[in-house]
Protein backbone atom coordinates (compact mmCIF):
# COMPACT_ATOMS: atom_id res chain seq x y z
CA UNK A 1 106.69 100.20 111.00
CA UNK A 2 105.96 102.39 107.99
CA UNK A 3 107.65 104.43 105.35
CA UNK A 4 109.40 107.63 106.40
CA UNK A 5 109.06 110.86 104.43
CA UNK A 6 112.19 112.63 103.21
CA UNK A 7 112.86 115.96 101.52
CA UNK A 8 116.00 117.60 100.14
CA UNK A 9 116.65 120.85 98.27
CA UNK A 10 119.62 121.11 95.93
CA UNK A 11 121.04 123.73 93.59
CA UNK A 12 119.35 123.45 90.18
CA UNK A 13 121.63 122.26 87.43
CA UNK A 14 120.56 122.35 83.76
CA UNK A 15 117.50 120.16 84.50
CA UNK A 16 116.16 117.71 87.08
CA UNK A 17 118.08 114.76 85.59
CA UNK A 18 121.41 116.58 85.87
CA UNK A 19 120.59 117.78 89.38
CA UNK A 20 119.71 114.23 90.44
CA UNK A 21 122.89 112.87 88.84
CA UNK A 22 125.03 115.35 90.78
CA UNK A 23 123.37 114.67 94.15
CA UNK A 24 122.24 111.04 93.71
CA UNK A 25 124.39 109.57 96.49
CA UNK A 26 123.34 112.23 98.99
CA UNK A 27 119.65 111.71 98.15
CA UNK A 28 119.91 107.93 98.41
CA UNK A 29 121.31 108.32 101.95
CA UNK A 30 117.95 109.82 102.93
CA UNK A 31 116.11 106.73 101.73
CA UNK A 32 118.54 103.81 102.08
CA UNK A 33 115.92 101.21 101.24
CA UNK A 34 115.66 102.53 97.67
CA UNK A 35 118.12 100.48 95.58
CA UNK A 36 118.19 103.19 92.90
CA UNK A 37 116.62 106.52 92.09
CA UNK A 38 115.57 108.01 88.77
CA UNK A 39 113.45 110.73 87.21
CA UNK A 40 110.05 109.53 86.03
CA UNK A 41 107.36 110.96 83.80
CA UNK A 42 104.29 112.83 85.01
CA UNK A 43 102.02 110.13 83.54
CA UNK A 44 104.06 107.23 84.94
CA UNK A 45 101.97 104.21 85.92
CA UNK A 46 101.80 103.28 89.59
CA UNK A 47 103.55 99.93 89.05
CA UNK A 48 106.56 101.48 87.33
CA UNK A 49 106.89 104.49 89.66
CA UNK A 50 108.87 102.81 92.44
CA UNK A 51 112.16 104.58 93.12
CA UNK A 52 111.08 107.32 90.73
CA UNK A 53 110.86 111.05 91.25
CA UNK A 54 107.83 112.27 89.31
CA UNK A 55 107.33 115.98 88.63
CA UNK A 56 104.42 117.82 90.19
CA UNK A 57 102.00 119.07 87.54
CA UNK A 58 101.48 122.80 87.04
CA UNK A 59 98.01 122.54 88.58
CA UNK A 60 99.44 120.74 91.63
CA UNK A 61 102.04 123.49 92.06
CA UNK A 62 99.28 126.10 91.91
CA UNK A 63 97.29 124.14 94.51
CA UNK A 64 100.32 123.92 96.81
CA UNK A 65 102.02 127.27 96.31
CA UNK A 66 99.52 129.48 94.48
CA UNK A 67 101.82 129.64 91.43
CA UNK A 68 103.35 127.45 88.73
CA UNK A 69 106.78 128.83 89.67
CA UNK A 70 107.23 128.48 93.44
CA UNK A 71 109.97 130.71 94.74
CA UNK A 72 113.14 129.60 96.50
CA UNK A 73 112.16 131.91 99.35
CA UNK A 74 109.61 129.27 100.45
CA UNK A 75 111.05 127.73 103.59
CA UNK A 76 111.73 124.03 103.92
CA UNK A 77 109.36 123.97 106.90
CA UNK A 78 106.60 125.44 104.72
CA UNK A 79 107.24 122.82 102.05
CA UNK A 80 106.94 120.05 104.67
CA UNK A 81 103.65 121.58 105.78
CA UNK A 82 102.20 122.19 102.30
CA UNK A 83 102.94 118.84 100.65
CA UNK A 84 100.07 116.35 100.51
CA UNK A 85 102.18 113.53 101.94
CA UNK A 86 99.22 111.15 101.96
CA UNK A 87 99.20 111.30 98.13
CA UNK A 88 102.74 109.93 97.86
CA UNK A 89 103.06 106.16 98.05
CA UNK A 90 105.84 104.36 99.90
CA UNK A 91 108.85 103.87 97.67
CA UNK A 92 107.87 106.78 95.43
CA UNK A 93 108.90 110.39 95.17
CA UNK A 94 108.12 113.73 93.58
CA UNK A 95 110.05 116.83 92.61
CA UNK A 96 109.58 120.44 91.60
CA UNK A 97 111.79 123.40 90.80
CA UNK A 98 112.05 126.46 93.02
CA UNK A 99 112.74 129.77 91.30
CA UNK A 100 114.40 133.11 91.98
CA UNK A 101 112.04 135.30 89.97
CA UNK A 102 111.70 133.42 86.68
CA UNK A 103 115.07 131.65 86.93
CA UNK A 104 115.28 128.04 88.21
CA UNK A 105 117.37 128.02 91.39
CA UNK A 106 116.78 124.77 93.29
CA UNK A 107 115.26 121.33 92.81
CA UNK A 108 113.22 120.01 95.69
CA UNK A 109 113.12 116.21 95.76
CA UNK A 110 110.88 114.41 98.23
CA UNK A 111 109.34 111.03 98.82
CA UNK A 112 108.73 108.08 101.10
CA UNK A 113 110.99 105.21 102.01
CA UNK A 114 109.47 101.73 101.70
CA UNK A 115 109.39 100.46 105.30
């Protein structure tokens, strides 16, 4: 048995921390083997990144979406297809903001369960 990928899009609040705080329980239901969930830093070490959502870098967003500000019009199916899932370790997650023009509209949180 292995980790299962998960992905959820939620309305953007003031920042990723506030968005996570508002939807924490709903997100944890997607990955019930995570005892907690928190926002991490882009340069977070591997050992301390468990149960963390780490932001994609600007260059990673450009690689994935062709822009530093991916639009909320990108479908969830396209996100599933575009993400380099093999680069995300079990028990770890990532996030990025989807925009409507230049305005943040949604946070997309994604990751892998442990086992």
